[in-house]
Amino acid sequence: MRIAITSQGNSLESILDQRFGHCKYFVIVDMQTGAIEIIPNPYSEAEEQAGTLAVKLLSSKNVNKIISGEFGIKVKPLLDSLNIQMIMYKKPNIPIGKVIEMLNHNN
């Protein structure tokens, strides 16, 4: 299972970004191996289609779930068609490391 988390920065101390398509970074966690990959979101400044382009990027990284505060309306049908689960987490100012800790605790 590979989970992408939207992040405001490129470290585990960074805060969960509430915006999916316009987040600055994606933190991808491989729940089986514990490997963590942090990639910049090339679509963070896009005026249109940021969410759908980000979904395609994460799909190419074999992501099964995405955690973010908000998702755009066009994203859900695309995620459904790709069998990628979206998880909305609205708690502000939570560090990425804490999100990963919660994920590990639930497994």
PDB file of N, CA and C in Angstrom:
ATOM      1  N   MET A   1       0.844  -1.179   0.000  1.00  0.00           N
ATOM      2  CA  MET A   1       0.000   0.000   0.000  1.00  0.00           C
ATOM      3  C   MET A   1       0.888   1.240   0.000  1.00  0.00           C
ATOM      4  N   ARG A   2       0.622   2.121  -0.949  1.00  0.00           N
ATOM      5  CA  ARG A   2       1.361   3.390  -1.040  1.00  0.00           C
ATOM      6  C   ARG A   2       0.378   4.533  -0.825  1.00  0.00           C
ATOM      7  N   ILE A   3       0.728   5.414   0.101  1.00  0.00           N
ATOM      8  CA  ILE A   3      -0.151   6.512   0.489  1.00  0.00           C
ATOM      9  C   ILE A   3       0.561   7.839   0.231  1.00  0.00           C
ATOM     10  N   ALA A   4      -0.129   8.753  -0.460  1.00  0.00           N
ATOM     11  CA  ALA A   4       0.400  10.095  -0.693  1.00  0.00           C
ATOM     12  C   ALA A   4      -0.269  11.059   0.281  1.00  0.00           C
ATOM     13  N   ILE A   5       0.543  11.939   0.841  1.00  0.00           N
ATOM     14  CA  ILE A   5       0.057  12.952   1.781  1.00  0.00           C
ATOM     15  C   ILE A   5       0.462  14.315   1.233  1.00  0.00           C
ATOM     16  N   THR A   6      -0.495  15.244   1.162  1.00  0.00           N
ATOM     17  CA  THR A   6      -0.166  16.583   0.685  1.00  0.00           C
ATOM     18  C   THR A   6       0.597  17.335   1.771  1.00  0.00           C
ATOM     19  N   SER A   7       1.658  18.031   1.365  1.00  0.00           N
ATOM     20  CA  SER A   7       2.534  18.682   2.334  1.00  0.00           C
ATOM     21  C   SER A   7       2.884  20.100   1.898  1.00  0.00           C
ATOM     22  N   GLN A   8       3.041  20.983   2.890  1.00  0.00           N
ATOM     23  CA  GLN A   8       3.457  22.356   2.617  1.00  0.00           C
ATOM     24  C   GLN A   8       4.967  22.470   2.418  1.00  0.00           C
ATOM     25  N   GLY A   9       5.713  21.450   2.837  1.00  0.00           N
ATOM     26  CA  GLY A   9       7.172  21.492   2.727  1.00  0.00           C
ATOM     27  C   GLY A   9       7.739  20.128   2.393  1.00  0.00           C
ATOM     28  N   ASN A  10       9.066  20.052   2.326  1.00  0.00           N
ATOM     29  CA  ASN A  10       9.716  18.822   1.889  1.00  0.00           C
ATOM     30  C   ASN A  10      10.391  18.051   3.023  1.00  0.00           C
ATOM     31  N   SER A  11       9.745  18.059   4.200  1.00  0.00           N
ATOM     32  CA  SER A  11      10.266  17.265   5.318  1.00  0.00           C
ATOM     33  C   SER A  11       9.096  16.687   6.113  1.00  0.00           C
ATOM     34  N   LEU A  12       9.414  15.758   6.996  1.00  0.00           N
ATOM     35  CA  LEU A  12       8.360  15.148   7.824  1.00  0.00           C
ATOM     36  C   LEU A  12       7.860  16.109   8.898  1.00  0.00           C
ATOM     37  N   GLU A  13       8.600  17.189   9.131  1.00  0.00           N
ATOM     38  CA  GLU A  13       8.158  18.210  10.078  1.00  0.00           C
ATOM     39  C   GLU A  13       7.203  19.213   9.426  1.00  0.00           C
ATOM     40  N   SER A  14       7.107  19.155   8.098  1.00  0.00           N
ATOM     41  CA  SER A  14       6.215  20.055   7.365  1.00  0.00           C
ATOM     42  C   SER A  14       4.758  19.764   7.715  1.00  0.00           C
ATOM     43  N   ILE A  15       3.909  20.733   7.436  1.00  0.00           N
ATOM     44  CA  ILE A  15       2.492  20.655   7.795  1.00  0.00           C
ATOM     45  C   ILE A  15       1.680  20.097   6.625  1.00  0.00           C
ATOM     46  N   LEU A  16       0.663  19.293   6.954  1.00  0.00           N
ATOM     47  CA  LEU A  16      -0.281  18.778   5.958  1.00  0.00           C
ATOM     48  C   LEU A  16      -0.875  19.954   5.198  1.00  0.00           C
ATOM     49  N   ASP A  17      -0.793  19.913   3.886  1.00  0.00           N
ATOM     50  CA  ASP A  17      -1.374  20.976   3.053  1.00  0.00           C
ATOM     51  C   ASP A  17      -2.846  20.662   2.844  1.00  0.00           C
ATOM     52  N   GLN A  18      -3.696  21.629   3.095  1.00  0.00           N
ATOM     53  CA  GLN A  18      -5.133  21.419   2.965  1.00  0.00           C
ATOM     54  C   GLN A  18      -5.583  21.382   1.504  1.00  0.00           C
ATOM     55  N   ARG A  19      -4.733  21.834   0.584  1.00  0.00           N
ATOM     56  CA  ARG A  19      -5.088  21.877  -0.833  1.00  0.00           C
ATOM     57  C   ARG A  19      -4.457  20.701  -1.558  1.00  0.00           C
ATOM     58  N   PHE A  20      -5.263  19.918  -2.251  1.00  0.00           N
ATOM     59  CA  PHE A  20      -4.716  18.761  -2.962  1.00  0.00           C
ATOM     60  C   PHE A  20      -3.937  19.173  -4.211  1.00  0.00           C
ATOM     61  N   GLY A  21      -4.627  19.689  -5.205  1.00  0.00           N
ATOM     62  CA  GLY A  21      -3.975  19.989  -6.479  1.00  0.00           C
ATOM     63  C   GLY A  21      -2.926  21.069  -6.413  1.00  0.00           C
ATOM     64  N   HIS A  22      -3.044  21.966  -5.458  1.00  0.00           N
ATOM     65  CA  HIS A  22      -2.119  23.086  -5.354  1.00  0.00           C
ATOM     66  C   HIS A  22      -1.143  22.963  -4.186  1.00  0.00           C
ATOM     67  N   CYS A  23      -1.036  21.781  -3.594  1.00  0.00           N
ATOM     68  CA  CYS A  23      -0.063  21.599  -2.518  1.00  0.00           C
ATOM     69  C   CYS A  23       1.343  21.755  -3.082  1.00  0.00           C
ATOM     70  N   LYS A  24       2.294  22.029  -2.216  1.00  0.00           N
ATOM     71  CA  LYS A  24       3.682  22.222  -2.666  1.00  0.00           C
ATOM     72  C   LYS A  24       4.406  20.894  -2.897  1.00  0.00           C
ATOM     73  N   TYR A  25       4.127  19.898  -2.038  1.00  0.00           N
ATOM     74  CA  TYR A  25       4.819  18.610  -2.121  1.00  0.00           C
ATOM     75  C   TYR A  25       3.853  17.468  -1.857  1.00  0.00           C
ATOM     76  N   PHE A  26       4.244  16.278  -2.323  1.00  0.00           N
ATOM     77  CA  PHE A  26       3.576  15.042  -1.957  1.00  0.00           C
ATOM     78  C   PHE A  26       4.588  14.176  -1.209  1.00  0.00           C
ATOM     79  N   VAL A  27       4.173  13.670  -0.064  1.00  0.00           N
ATOM     80  CA  VAL A  27       4.985  12.708   0.675  1.00  0.00           C
ATOM     81  C   VAL A  27       4.356  11.346   0.417  1.00  0.00           C
ATOM     82  N   ILE A  28       5.115  10.459  -0.207  1.00  0.00           N
ATOM     83  CA  ILE A  28       4.607   9.130  -0.551  1.00  0.00           C
ATOM     84  C   ILE A  28       5.233   8.121   0.397  1.00  0.00           C
ATOM     85  N   VAL A  29       4.373   7.394   1.104  1.00  0.00           N
ATOM     86  CA  VAL A  29       4.812   6.427   2.096  1.00  0.00           C
ATOM     87  C   VAL A  29       4.457   5.030   1.616  1.00  0.00           C
ATOM     88  N   ASP A  30       5.445   4.153   1.567  1.00  0.00           N
ATOM     89  CA  ASP A  30       5.202   2.747   1.271  1.00  0.00           C
ATOM     90  C   ASP A  30       4.980   2.049   2.608  1.00  0.00           C
ATOM     91  N   MET A  31       3.751   1.646   2.867  1.00  0.00           N
ATOM     92  CA  MET A  31       3.400   1.098   4.176  1.00  0.00           C
ATOM     93  C   MET A  31       4.024  -0.269   4.435  1.00  0.00           C
ATOM     94  N   GLN A  32       4.436  -0.979   3.387  1.00  0.00           N
ATOM     95  CA  GLN A  32       5.057  -2.294   3.577  1.00  0.00           C
ATOM     96  C   GLN A  32       6.534  -2.182   3.914  1.00  0.00           C
ATOM     97  N   THR A  33       7.236  -1.287   3.208  1.00  0.00           N
ATOM     98  CA  THR A  33       8.681  -1.183   3.410  1.00  0.00           C
ATOM     99  C   THR A  33       9.069  -0.046   4.349  1.00  0.00           C
ATOM    100  N   GLY A  34       8.150   0.914   4.537  1.00  0.00           N
ATOM    101  CA  GLY A  34       8.465   2.084   5.349  1.00  0.00           C
ATOM    102  C   GLY A  34       9.207   3.165   4.576  1.00  0.00           C
ATOM    103  N   ALA A  35       9.475   2.928   3.280  1.00  0.00           N
ATOM    104  CA  ALA A  35      10.189   3.904   2.468  1.00  0.00           C
ATOM    105  C   ALA A  35       9.340   5.165   2.299  1.00  0.00           C
ATOM    106  N   ILE A  36      10.010   6.305   2.322  1.00  0.00           N
ATOM    107  CA  ILE A  36       9.342   7.590   2.171  1.00  0.00           C
ATOM    108  C   ILE A  36      10.006   8.345   1.029  1.00  0.00           C
ATOM    109  N   GLU A  37       9.177   8.839   0.117  1.00  0.00           N
ATOM    110  CA  GLU A  37       9.649   9.639  -1.016  1.00  0.00           C
ATOM    111  C   GLU A  37       8.915  10.972  -0.967  1.00  0.00           C
ATOM    112  N   ILE A  38       9.652  12.065  -1.074  1.00  0.00           N
ATOM    113  CA  ILE A  38       9.048  13.394  -1.085  1.00  0.00           C
ATOM    114  C   ILE A  38       9.307  14.012  -2.452  1.00  0.00           C
ATOM    115  N   ILE A  39       8.210  14.338  -3.140  1.00  0.00           N
ATOM    116  CA  ILE A  39       8.342  14.897  -4.483  1.00  0.00           C
ATOM    117  C   ILE A  39       7.635  16.254  -4.562  1.00  0.00           C
ATOM    118  N   PRO A  40       8.214  17.196  -5.295  1.00  0.00           N
ATOM    119  CA  PRO A  40       7.522  18.471  -5.484  1.00  0.00           C
ATOM    120  C   PRO A  40       6.311  18.268  -6.388  1.00  0.00           C
ATOM    121  N   ASN A  41       5.279  19.056  -6.173  1.00  0.00           N
ATOM    122  CA  ASN A  41       4.093  19.010  -7.017  1.00  0.00           C
ATOM    123  C   ASN A  41       4.318  19.981  -8.181  1.00  0.00           C
ATOM    124  N   PRO A  42       4.548  19.463  -9.385  1.00  0.00           N
ATOM    125  CA  PRO A  42       4.813  20.355 -10.513  1.00  0.00           C
ATOM    126  C   PRO A  42       3.592  21.173 -10.931  1.00  0.00           C
ATOM    127  N   TYR A  43       2.425  20.849 -10.383  1.00  0.00           N
ATOM    128  CA  TYR A  43       1.183  21.528 -10.772  1.00  0.00           C
ATOM    129  C   TYR A  43       0.680  22.503  -9.705  1.00  0.00           C
ATOM    130  N   SER A  44       1.487  22.783  -8.693  1.00  0.00           N
ATOM    131  CA  SER A  44       1.032  23.625  -7.576  1.00  0.00           C
ATOM    132  C   SER A  44       0.645  25.031  -8.026  1.00  0.00           C
ATOM    133  N   GLU A  45       1.237  25.520  -9.080  1.00  0.00           N
ATOM    134  CA  GLU A  45       0.935  26.866  -9.568  1.00  0.00           C
ATOM    135  C   GLU A  45       0.039  26.866 -10.805  1.00  0.00           C
ATOM    136  N   ALA A  46      -0.418  25.692 -11.233  1.00  0.00           N
ATOM    137  CA  ALA A  46      -1.254  25.607 -12.440  1.00  0.00           C
ATOM    138  C   ALA A  46      -2.580  26.318 -12.228  1.00  0.00           C
ATOM    139  N   GLU A  47      -3.024  27.033 -13.255  1.00  0.00           N
ATOM    140  CA  GLU A  47      -4.296  27.743 -13.151  1.00  0.00           C
ATOM    141  C   GLU A  47      -5.485  26.809 -13.362  1.00  0.00           C
ATOM    142  N   GLU A  48      -5.293  25.781 -14.168  1.00  0.00           N
ATOM    143  CA  GLU A  48      -6.374  24.833 -14.448  1.00  0.00           C
ATOM    144  C   GLU A  48      -5.833  23.409 -14.387  1.00  0.00           C
ATOM    145  N   GLN A  49      -6.718  22.488 -14.041  1.00  0.00           N
ATOM    146  CA  GLN A  49      -6.429  21.052 -14.070  1.00  0.00           C
ATOM    147  C   GLN A  49      -5.356  20.598 -13.090  1.00  0.00           C
ATOM    148  N   ALA A  50      -5.022  21.404 -12.083  1.00  0.00           N
ATOM    149  CA  ALA A  50      -3.979  21.015 -11.122  1.00  0.00           C
ATOM    150  C   ALA A  50      -4.331  19.690 -10.447  1.00  0.00           C
ATOM    151  N   GLY A  51      -5.569  19.522 -10.030  1.00  0.00           N
ATOM    152  CA  GLY A  51      -5.981  18.307  -9.335  1.00  0.00           C
ATOM    153  C   GLY A  51      -5.920  17.070 -10.214  1.00  0.00           C
ATOM    154  N   THR A  52      -6.456  17.168 -11.418  1.00  0.00           N
ATOM    155  CA  THR A  52      -6.464  15.984 -12.290  1.00  0.00           C
ATOM    156  C   THR A  52      -5.049  15.618 -12.731  1.00  0.00           C
ATOM    157  N   LEU A  53      -4.214  16.617 -12.987  1.00  0.00           N
ATOM    158  CA  LEU A  53      -2.819  16.331 -13.343  1.00  0.00           C
ATOM    159  C   LEU A  53      -2.069  15.709 -12.162  1.00  0.00           C
ATOM    160  N   ALA A  54      -2.342  16.185 -10.961  1.00  0.00           N
ATOM    161  CA  ALA A  54      -1.708  15.617  -9.770  1.00  0.00           C
ATOM    162  C   ALA A  54      -2.140  14.168  -9.565  1.00  0.00           C
ATOM    163  N   VAL A  55      -3.420  13.874  -9.827  1.00  0.00           N
ATOM    164  CA  VAL A  55      -3.898  12.488  -9.710  1.00  0.00           C
ATOM    165  C   VAL A  55      -3.124  11.592 -10.669  1.00  0.00           C
ATOM    166  N   LYS A  56      -2.945  12.042 -11.889  1.00  0.00           N
ATOM    167  CA  LYS A  56      -2.220  11.240 -12.877  1.00  0.00           C
ATOM    168  C   LYS A  56      -0.775  11.006 -12.447  1.00  0.00           C
ATOM    169  N   LEU A  57      -0.150  12.036 -11.878  1.00  0.00           N
ATOM    170  CA  LEU A  57       1.216  11.898 -11.366  1.00  0.00           C
ATOM    171  C   LEU A  57       1.272  10.838 -10.266  1.00  0.00           C
ATOM    172  N   LEU A  58       0.361  10.932  -9.299  1.00  0.00           N
ATOM    173  CA  LEU A  58       0.367   9.985  -8.173  1.00  0.00           C
ATOM    174  C   LEU A  58      -0.002   8.583  -8.622  1.00  0.00           C
ATOM    175  N   SER A  59      -0.871   8.477  -9.603  1.00  0.00           N
ATOM    176  CA  SER A  59      -1.211   7.170 -10.149  1.00  0.00           C
ATOM    177  C   SER A  59       0.022   6.515 -10.775  1.00  0.00           C
ATOM    178  N   SER A  60       0.851   7.315 -11.434  1.00  0.00           N
ATOM    179  CA  SER A  60       2.077   6.775 -12.043  1.00  0.00           C
ATOM    180  C   SER A  60       3.073   6.319 -10.982  1.00  0.00           C
ATOM    181  N   LYS A  61       2.890   6.796  -9.744  1.00  0.00           N
ATOM    182  CA  LYS A  61       3.740   6.388  -8.621  1.00  0.00           C
ATOM    183  C   LYS A  61       3.102   5.239  -7.833  1.00  0.00           C
ATOM    184  N   ASN A  62       2.044   4.649  -8.388  1.00  0.00           N
ATOM    185  CA  ASN A  62       1.347   3.500  -7.786  1.00  0.00           C
ATOM    186  C   ASN A  62       0.769   3.792  -6.404  1.00  0.00           C
ATOM    187  N   VAL A  63       0.235   4.992  -6.235  1.00  0.00           N
ATOM    188  CA  VAL A  63      -0.393   5.381  -4.971  1.00  0.00           C
ATOM    189  C   VAL A  63      -1.788   4.758  -4.888  1.00  0.00           C
ATOM    190  N   ASN A  64      -2.141   4.227  -3.700  1.00  0.00           N
ATOM    191  CA  ASN A  64      -3.459   3.619  -3.469  1.00  0.00           C
ATOM    192  C   ASN A  64      -4.411   4.528  -2.711  1.00  0.00           C
ATOM    193  N   LYS A  65      -3.846   5.450  -1.912  1.00  0.00           N
ATOM    194  CA  LYS A  65      -4.648   6.374  -1.108  1.00  0.00           C
ATOM    195  C   LYS A  65      -3.979   7.736  -1.119  1.00  0.00           C
ATOM    196  N   ILE A  66      -4.812   8.780  -0.992  1.00  0.00           N
ATOM    197  CA  ILE A  66      -4.294  10.141  -0.903  1.00  0.00           C
ATOM    198  C   ILE A  66      -4.948  10.813   0.299  1.00  0.00           C
ATOM    199  N   ILE A  67      -4.119  11.443   1.126  1.00  0.00           N
ATOM    200  CA  ILE A  67      -4.616  12.183   2.292  1.00  0.00           C
ATOM    201  C   ILE A  67      -4.383  13.665   2.050  1.00  0.00           C
ATOM    202  N   SER A  68      -5.460  14.451   2.164  1.00  0.00           N
ATOM    203  CA  SER A  68      -5.390  15.903   2.009  1.00  0.00           C
ATOM    204  C   SER A  68      -6.555  16.523   2.759  1.00  0.00           C
ATOM    205  N   GLY A  69      -6.508  17.828   2.922  1.00  0.00           N
ATOM    206  CA  GLY A  69      -7.615  18.520   3.582  1.00  0.00           C
ATOM    207  C   GLY A  69      -8.813  18.699   2.668  1.00  0.00           C
ATOM    208  N   GLU A  70      -8.555  19.032   1.414  1.00  0.00           N
ATOM    209  CA  GLU A  70      -9.615  19.305   0.445  1.00  0.00           C
ATOM    210  C   GLU A  70      -9.260  18.669  -0.891  1.00  0.00           C
ATOM    211  N   PHE A  71     -10.294  18.281  -1.627  1.00  0.00           N
ATOM    212  CA  PHE A  71     -10.139  17.780  -2.990  1.00  0.00           C
ATOM    213  C   PHE A  71     -11.103  18.555  -3.881  1.00  0.00           C
ATOM    214  N   GLY A  72     -10.663  18.901  -5.082  1.00  0.00           N
ATOM    215  CA  GLY A  72     -11.542  19.582  -6.026  1.00  0.00           C
ATOM    216  C   GLY A  72     -12.621  18.650  -6.544  1.00  0.00           C
ATOM    217  N   ILE A  73     -13.673  19.233  -7.072  1.00  0.00           N
ATOM    218  CA  ILE A  73     -14.842  18.467  -7.505  1.00  0.00           C
ATOM    219  C   ILE A  73     -14.534  17.528  -8.678  1.00  0.00           C
ATOM    220  N   LYS A  74     -13.567  17.872  -9.515  1.00  0.00           N
ATOM    221  CA  LYS A  74     -13.245  17.047 -10.688  1.00  0.00           C
ATOM    222  C   LYS A  74     -12.385  15.837 -10.326  1.00  0.00           C
ATOM    223  N   VAL A  75     -11.829  15.844  -9.138  1.00  0.00           N
ATOM    224  CA  VAL A  75     -10.859  14.814  -8.760  1.00  0.00           C
ATOM    225  C   VAL A  75     -11.522  13.492  -8.376  1.00  0.00           C
ATOM    226  N   LYS A  76     -12.646  13.539  -7.673  1.00  0.00           N
ATOM    227  CA  LYS A  76     -13.259  12.317  -7.156  1.00  0.00           C
ATOM    228  C   LYS A  76     -13.584  11.292  -8.243  1.00  0.00           C
ATOM    229  N   PRO A  77     -14.249  11.669  -9.353  1.00  0.00           N
ATOM    230  CA  PRO A  77     -14.525  10.663 -10.379  1.00  0.00           C
ATOM    231  C   PRO A  77     -13.259  10.031 -10.953  1.00  0.00           C
ATOM    232  N   LEU A  78     -12.212  10.835 -11.106  1.00  0.00           N
ATOM    233  CA  LEU A  78     -10.951  10.306 -11.630  1.00  0.00           C
ATOM    234  C   LEU A  78     -10.321   9.334 -10.637  1.00  0.00           C
ATOM    235  N   LEU A  79     -10.317   9.709  -9.362  1.00  0.00           N
ATOM    236  CA  LEU A  79      -9.769   8.812  -8.333  1.00  0.00           C
ATOM    237  C   LEU A  79     -10.567   7.507  -8.282  1.00  0.00           C
ATOM    238  N   ASP A  80     -11.891   7.623  -8.350  1.00  0.00           N
ATOM    239  CA  ASP A  80     -12.736   6.423  -8.349  1.00  0.00           C
ATOM    240  C   ASP A  80     -12.396   5.514  -9.524  1.00  0.00           C
ATOM    241  N   SER A  81     -12.209   6.102 -10.705  1.00  0.00           N
ATOM    242  CA  SER A  81     -11.913   5.289 -11.901  1.00  0.00           C
ATOM    243  C   SER A  81     -10.560   4.598 -11.795  1.00  0.00           C
ATOM    244  N   LEU A  82      -9.653   5.159 -11.009  1.00  0.00           N
ATOM    245  CA  LEU A  82      -8.315   4.582 -10.836  1.00  0.00           C
ATOM    246  C   LEU A  82      -8.204   3.735  -9.566  1.00  0.00           C
ATOM    247  N   ASN A  83      -9.322   3.594  -8.847  1.00  0.00           N
ATOM    248  CA  ASN A  83      -9.344   2.851  -7.579  1.00  0.00           C
ATOM    249  C   ASN A  83      -8.362   3.409  -6.559  1.00  0.00           C
ATOM    250  N   ILE A  84      -8.293   4.739  -6.483  1.00  0.00           N
ATOM    251  CA  ILE A  84      -7.463   5.414  -5.488  1.00  0.00           C
ATOM    252  C   ILE A  84      -8.411   6.043  -4.475  1.00  0.00           C
ATOM    253  N   GLN A  85      -8.216   5.703  -3.220  1.00  0.00           N
ATOM    254  CA  GLN A  85      -9.076   6.213  -2.152  1.00  0.00           C
ATOM    255  C   GLN A  85      -8.625   7.602  -1.732  1.00  0.00           C
ATOM    256  N   MET A  86      -9.587   8.516  -1.544  1.00  0.00           N
ATOM    257  CA  MET A  86      -9.238   9.834  -1.022  1.00  0.00           C
ATOM    258  C   MET A  86      -9.691   9.933   0.423  1.00  0.00           C
ATOM    259  N   ILE A  87      -8.806  10.462   1.251  1.00  0.00           N
ATOM    260  CA  ILE A  87      -9.094  10.619   2.672  1.00  0.00           C
ATOM    261  C   ILE A  87      -8.940  12.101   3.008  1.00  0.00           C
ATOM    262  N   MET A  88     -10.036  12.704   3.454  1.00  0.00           N
ATOM    263  CA  MET A  88      -9.988  14.112   3.844  1.00  0.00           C
ATOM    264  C   MET A  88      -9.653  14.203   5.324  1.00  0.00           C
ATOM    265  N   TYR A  89      -8.620  14.996   5.625  1.00  0.00           N
ATOM    266  CA  TYR A  89      -8.204  15.195   7.006  1.00  0.00           C
ATOM    267  C   TYR A  89      -8.138  16.695   7.239  1.00  0.00           C
ATOM    268  N   LYS A  90      -9.103  17.209   7.968  1.00  0.00           N
ATOM    269  CA  LYS A  90      -9.280  18.652   8.104  1.00  0.00           C
ATOM    270  C   LYS A  90      -8.545  19.278   9.285  1.00  0.00           C
ATOM    271  N   LYS A  91      -7.873  18.484  10.088  1.00  0.00           N
ATOM    272  CA  LYS A  91      -7.189  19.044  11.252  1.00  0.00           C
ATOM    273  C   LYS A  91      -6.033  19.936  10.790  1.00  0.00           C
ATOM    274  N   PRO A  92      -6.084  21.238  11.126  1.00  0.00           N
ATOM    275  CA  PRO A  92      -5.024  22.140  10.653  1.00  0.00           C
ATOM    276  C   PRO A  92      -3.724  21.956  11.435  1.00  0.00           C
ATOM    277  N   ASN A  93      -2.641  22.319  10.798  1.00  0.00           N
ATOM    278  CA  ASN A  93      -1.317  22.381  11.435  1.00  0.00           C
ATOM    279  C   ASN A  93      -0.812  21.050  11.978  1.00  0.00           C
ATOM    280  N   ILE A  94      -1.154  19.946  11.323  1.00  0.00           N
ATOM    281  CA  ILE A  94      -0.620  18.649  11.761  1.00  0.00           C
ATOM    282  C   ILE A  94       0.615  18.315  10.912  1.00  0.00           C
ATOM    283  N   PRO A  95       1.718  17.977  11.566  1.00  0.00           N
ATOM    284  CA  PRO A  95       2.931  17.615  10.834  1.00  0.00           C
ATOM    285  C   PRO A  95       2.763  16.282  10.088  1.00  0.00           C
ATOM    286  N   ILE A  96       3.442  16.176   8.964  1.00  0.00           N
ATOM    287  CA  ILE A  96       3.383  14.964   8.146  1.00  0.00           C
ATOM    288  C   ILE A  96       3.834  13.745   8.962  1.00  0.00           C
ATOM    289  N   GLY A  97       4.870  13.912   9.767  1.00  0.00           N
ATOM    290  CA  GLY A  97       5.356  12.809  10.600  1.00  0.00           C
ATOM    291  C   GLY A  97       4.269  12.260  11.514  1.00  0.00           C
ATOM    292  N   LYS A  98       3.425  13.134  12.035  1.00  0.00           N
ATOM    293  CA  LYS A  98       2.323  12.717  12.908  1.00  0.00           C
ATOM    294  C   LYS A  98       1.271  11.941  12.111  1.00  0.00           C
ATOM    295  N   VAL A  99       1.003  12.370  10.877  1.00  0.00           N
ATOM    296  CA  VAL A  99       0.062  11.648  10.017  1.00  0.00           C
ATOM    297  C   VAL A  99       0.588  10.233   9.755  1.00  0.00           C
ATOM    298  N   ILE A 100       1.873  10.129   9.450  1.00  0.00           N
ATOM    299  CA  ILE A 100       2.481   8.814   9.192  1.00  0.00           C
ATOM    300  C   ILE A 100       2.424   7.949  10.450  1.00  0.00           C
ATOM    301  N   GLU A 101       2.680   8.557  11.596  1.00  0.00           N
ATOM    302  CA  GLU A 101       2.616   7.831  12.856  1.00  0.00           C
ATOM    303  C   GLU A 101       1.207   7.251  13.073  1.00  0.00           C
ATOM    304  N   MET A 102       0.179   8.051  12.779  1.00  0.00           N
ATOM    305  CA  MET A 102      -1.202   7.581  12.915  1.00  0.00           C
ATOM    306  C   MET A 102      -1.492   6.444  11.941  1.00  0.00           C
ATOM    307  N   LEU A 103      -0.954   6.538  10.710  1.00  0.00           N
ATOM    308  CA  LEU A 103      -1.150   5.477   9.724  1.00  0.00           C
ATOM    309  C   LEU A 103      -0.505   4.175  10.204  1.00  0.00           C
ATOM    310  N   ASN A 104       0.697   4.265  10.737  1.00  0.00           N
ATOM    311  CA  ASN A 104       1.400   3.081  11.237  1.00  0.00           C
ATOM    312  C   ASN A 104       0.674   2.469  12.432  1.00  0.00           C
ATOM    313  N   HIS A 105       0.075   3.311  13.230  1.00  0.00           N
ATOM    314  CA  HIS A 105      -0.638   2.831  14.419  1.00  0.00           C
ATOM    315  C   HIS A 105      -1.916   2.080  14.052  1.00  0.00           C
ATOM    316  N   ASN A 106      -2.496   2.442  12.886  1.00  0.00           N
ATOM    317  CA  ASN A 106      -3.745   1.802  12.441  1.00  0.00           C
ATOM    318  C   ASN A 106      -3.504   0.502  11.699  1.00  0.00           C
ATOM    319  N   ASN A 107      -2.257   0.168  11.404  1.00  0.00           N
ATOM    320  CA  ASN A 107      -1.972  -1.078  10.674  1.00  0.00           C
ATOM    321  C   ASN A 107      -1.624  -2.207  11.613  1.00  0.00           C
TER     322      ASN A 107
END
